[in-house]
Amino acid sequence: MTENPSESHPPGPIMSRRETLQATAGAVALAALPPLSATATSAPALDTNTVTLTMTVNGRAQTLSVDPRQSILDVLRETLNLTGTKKGCNQGACGACTVLVDGRRIVSCLTLASMHDGAQIETIEGLEKDGVLHPLQEAFVEHEGLQCGFCTPGQIMSGLGCIAEGHAGSPEEIQFWMSGNICRCGAYPGIVAAVADAAGRT
């Protein structure tokens, strides 16, 4: 007896096995989504709070509106476009971001700008005066205290702090008090010689 096609298949379009699986998967994924209202209300609101700071950077007064979570390094580089201060490890371990704040050397990547309202900040860009290099900058050139140059701004700013602190009396003392500044090129003999030379000129 011949089977009647109209009795073996229900009326309507016939879906392949693949189409059935795809449709089922889509329905399951759609059912797993939270309601639109729940998605809209559960999204965290963006924090738009800012603080206003006044700082003197390289002798110039600055009034800045910054995110309270921003480091001095990011304010210098991203807000003031002073990119001489380098972002190396961003963890306070390499010293590439060293600047002077109120005359003291700090790693600016770990220092919140919001904690230093009214501070005096000096960066590598502020050392040269009227086209004349700072004596420590000249000493770095003369003693070849750099190779790739990436760490050099931090080395120079740290060297200034080292001299000001009275820790440049001998090569061994300079090595100890400059040990927080890493030079991956290994230009340490020239760096130490440059700091010692500049200390002798002041």
Protein backbone atom coordinates (compact mmCIF):
# COMPACT_ATOMS: atom_id res chain seq x y z
CA MET A 1 0.00 0.00 0.00
CA THR A 2 1.45 3.34 -1.05
CA GLU A 3 1.84 5.99 1.72
CA ASN A 4 -0.02 9.21 1.08
CA PRO A 5 2.51 12.12 1.31
CA SER A 6 -0.14 14.36 2.81
CA GLU A 7 -0.56 11.95 5.74
CA SER A 8 3.24 11.56 6.55
CA HIS A 9 4.07 15.29 6.74
CA PRO A 10 1.95 17.96 8.42
CA PRO A 11 0.99 20.90 6.28
CA GLY A 12 3.34 23.93 6.27
CA PRO A 13 7.06 24.45 5.56
CA ILE A 14 9.41 21.56 6.27
CA MET A 15 12.52 22.46 8.40
CA SER A 16 15.76 20.57 8.12
CA ARG A 17 17.46 19.19 11.25
CA ARG A 18 20.06 21.98 11.06
CA GLU A 19 17.42 24.70 10.85
CA THR A 20 15.60 23.19 13.83
CA LEU A 21 18.77 23.17 15.96
CA GLN A 22 19.60 26.75 15.00
CA ALA A 23 16.13 27.95 15.86
CA THR A 24 16.21 26.12 19.21
CA ALA A 25 19.62 27.55 20.11
CA GLY A 26 18.46 31.06 19.27
CA ALA A 27 15.38 30.69 21.43
CA VAL A 28 17.44 29.42 24.38
CA ALA A 29 19.91 32.32 24.07
CA LEU A 30 17.08 34.84 23.88
CA ALA A 31 15.41 33.38 26.95
CA ALA A 32 18.66 33.69 28.93
CA LEU A 33 18.87 37.45 28.41
CA PRO A 34 17.59 39.62 31.29
CA PRO A 35 14.68 41.92 30.61
CA LEU A 36 15.60 45.19 28.92
CA SER A 37 14.58 47.25 31.93
CA ALA A 38 16.80 45.18 34.23
CA THR A 39 19.78 45.62 31.92
CA ALA A 40 19.29 49.36 31.76
CA THR A 41 18.98 49.82 35.50
CA SER A 42 21.80 47.49 36.55
CA ALA A 43 24.53 49.13 34.43
CA PRO A 44 26.93 51.06 36.71
CA ALA A 45 26.82 54.82 36.32
CA LEU A 46 29.98 56.45 35.03
CA ASP A 47 31.84 58.40 37.70
CA THR A 48 32.14 61.93 36.37
CA ASN A 49 33.39 63.49 39.60
CA THR A 50 36.48 65.66 39.23
CA VAL A 51 38.56 67.76 41.58
CA THR A 52 40.12 71.13 40.87
CA LEU A 53 43.80 71.49 41.65
CA THR A 54 46.29 74.30 41.46
CA MET A 55 49.91 73.34 40.83
CA THR A 56 53.05 75.08 39.71
CA VAL A 57 54.67 72.93 37.06
CA ASN A 58 58.11 74.00 35.84
CA GLY A 59 57.49 77.49 37.16
CA ARG A 60 54.08 77.93 35.52
CA ALA A 61 50.86 78.06 37.56
CA GLN A 62 48.27 75.51 36.44
CA THR A 63 44.62 75.14 37.43
CA LEU A 64 43.47 71.65 36.53
CA SER A 65 40.23 69.66 36.72
CA VAL A 66 41.24 66.02 37.14
CA ASP A 67 39.82 62.65 38.05
CA PRO A 68 40.77 62.07 41.72
CA ARG A 69 42.14 58.66 40.71
CA GLN A 70 44.68 60.12 38.27
CA SER A 71 48.35 59.92 39.08
CA ILE A 72 50.68 62.87 38.71
CA LEU A 73 52.29 60.97 35.84
CA ASP A 74 49.03 60.77 33.89
CA VAL A 75 48.20 64.42 34.58
CA LEU A 76 51.64 65.47 33.32
CA ARG A 77 51.50 63.34 30.19
CA GLU A 78 47.81 63.41 29.25
CA THR A 79 46.59 66.78 30.55
CA LEU A 80 49.68 68.99 30.34
CA ASN A 81 51.31 67.15 27.40
CA LEU A 82 54.64 66.96 29.25
CA THR A 83 55.69 63.61 27.84
CA GLY A 84 59.34 63.80 28.87
CA THR A 85 58.37 61.99 32.07
CA LYS A 86 58.12 58.35 30.97
CA LYS A 87 55.65 55.65 31.90
CA GLY A 88 57.77 52.55 32.35
CA CYS A 89 56.46 49.82 34.67
CA ASN A 90 53.59 51.95 36.08
CA GLN A 91 54.19 50.12 39.37
CA GLY A 92 56.82 52.30 41.03
CA ALA A 93 59.61 49.80 40.39
CA CYS A 94 61.70 51.29 37.56
CA GLY A 95 61.99 55.02 38.35
CA ALA A 96 61.41 56.18 34.76
CA CYS A 97 58.63 58.50 35.96
CA THR A 98 60.67 60.26 38.67
CA VAL A 99 59.89 63.97 39.11
CA LEU A 100 60.52 66.49 41.89
CA VAL A 101 57.53 67.47 44.01
CA ASP A 102 58.27 70.30 46.42
CA GLY A 103 61.95 69.54 45.89
CA ARG A 104 61.69 65.83 46.72
CA ARG A 105 62.00 63.05 44.15
CA ILE A 106 58.99 60.76 43.81
CA VAL A 107 57.77 58.08 41.42
CA SER A 108 54.86 59.93 39.86
CA CYS A 109 53.04 56.80 38.63
CA LEU A 110 52.09 55.88 42.22
CA THR A 111 51.34 59.42 43.43
CA LEU A 112 47.78 60.72 43.18
CA ALA A 113 47.62 64.24 41.80
CA SER A 114 44.66 65.02 44.08
CA MET A 115 46.91 64.65 47.12
CA HIS A 116 49.24 67.43 45.97
CA ASP A 117 47.08 70.50 45.55
CA GLY A 118 49.34 73.56 45.62
CA ALA A 119 52.50 71.55 44.96
CA GLN A 120 55.58 72.72 43.09
CA ILE A 121 56.44 70.11 40.45
CA GLU A 122 59.57 70.01 38.33
CA THR A 123 59.98 67.72 35.33
CA ILE A 124 62.75 67.15 32.81
CA GLU A 125 61.22 69.83 30.56
CA GLY A 126 61.85 72.49 33.21
CA LEU A 127 65.61 72.04 33.55
CA GLU A 128 66.84 73.74 30.39
CA LYS A 129 66.82 77.55 30.69
CA ASP A 130 66.97 79.81 27.63
CA GLY A 131 68.53 77.10 25.51
CA VAL A 132 71.17 76.20 28.11
CA LEU A 133 71.15 72.69 29.55
CA HIS A 134 71.21 72.07 33.27
CA PRO A 135 74.71 71.04 34.49
CA LEU A 136 73.45 67.51 35.19
CA GLN A 137 72.07 67.24 31.67
CA GLU A 138 75.44 68.37 30.31
CA ALA A 139 77.19 65.82 32.51
CA PHE A 140 74.97 63.01 31.19
CA VAL A 141 76.02 63.95 27.66
CA GLU A 142 79.71 64.25 28.53
CA HIS A 143 79.86 60.96 30.44
CA GLU A 144 77.56 59.06 28.07
CA GLY A 145 75.12 58.32 30.84
CA LEU A 146 72.48 57.04 28.44
CA GLN A 147 71.94 54.66 25.57
CA CYS A 148 68.32 54.29 24.42
CA GLY A 149 67.38 57.30 26.57
CA PHE A 150 64.02 56.03 27.80
CA CYS A 151 65.03 56.04 31.48
CA THR A 152 67.16 59.18 31.20
CA PRO A 153 64.55 61.78 32.30
CA GLY A 154 63.88 59.80 35.46
CA GLN A 155 67.59 59.21 36.02
CA ILE A 156 68.34 62.93 35.75
CA MET A 157 65.48 63.99 38.03
CA SER A 158 66.49 61.34 40.55
CA GLY A 159 70.11 62.50 40.26
CA LEU A 160 69.04 66.04 41.13
CA GLY A 161 67.25 64.75 44.19
CA CYS A 162 70.24 62.62 45.14
CA ILE A 163 72.55 65.64 45.00
CA ALA A 164 70.11 67.88 46.90
CA GLU A 165 69.79 65.26 49.63
CA GLY A 166 73.55 65.16 50.08
CA HIS A 167 73.89 61.58 48.87
CA ALA A 168 76.44 62.14 46.12
CA GLY A 169 79.66 62.02 48.14
CA SER A 170 81.11 58.93 46.45
CA PRO A 171 80.34 56.57 43.56
CA GLU A 172 79.21 53.91 46.04
CA GLU A 173 76.85 56.35 47.75
CA ILE A 174 75.43 57.46 44.41
CA GLN A 175 74.89 53.85 43.36
CA PHE A 176 73.01 53.13 46.57
CA TRP A 177 70.78 56.20 46.51
CA MET A 178 70.10 55.88 42.76
CA SER A 179 69.30 52.16 42.95
CA GLY A 180 65.59 52.80 42.47
CA ASN A 181 66.22 53.93 38.90
CA ILE A 182 66.71 51.06 36.48
CA CYS A 183 68.61 51.35 33.18
CA ARG A 184 67.91 48.31 31.04
CA CYS A 185 70.76 49.29 28.73
CA GLY A 186 73.23 49.11 31.62
CA ALA A 187 74.64 52.64 31.35
CA TYR A 188 75.24 52.78 35.11
CA PRO A 189 78.96 53.77 35.05
CA GLY A 190 78.15 56.85 32.97
CA ILE A 191 75.13 57.70 35.12
CA VAL A 192 77.16 57.54 38.33
CA ALA A 193 79.98 59.56 36.78
CA ALA A 194 77.51 62.20 35.57
CA VAL A 195 75.89 62.61 38.98
CA ALA A 196 79.29 62.80 40.69
CA ASP A 197 80.49 65.40 38.16
CA ALA A 198 77.38 67.57 38.55
CA ALA A 199 77.58 67.29 42.34
CA GLY A 200 81.13 68.62 42.17
CA ARG A 201 80.01 71.66 40.17
CA THR A 202 77.37 72.76 42.69
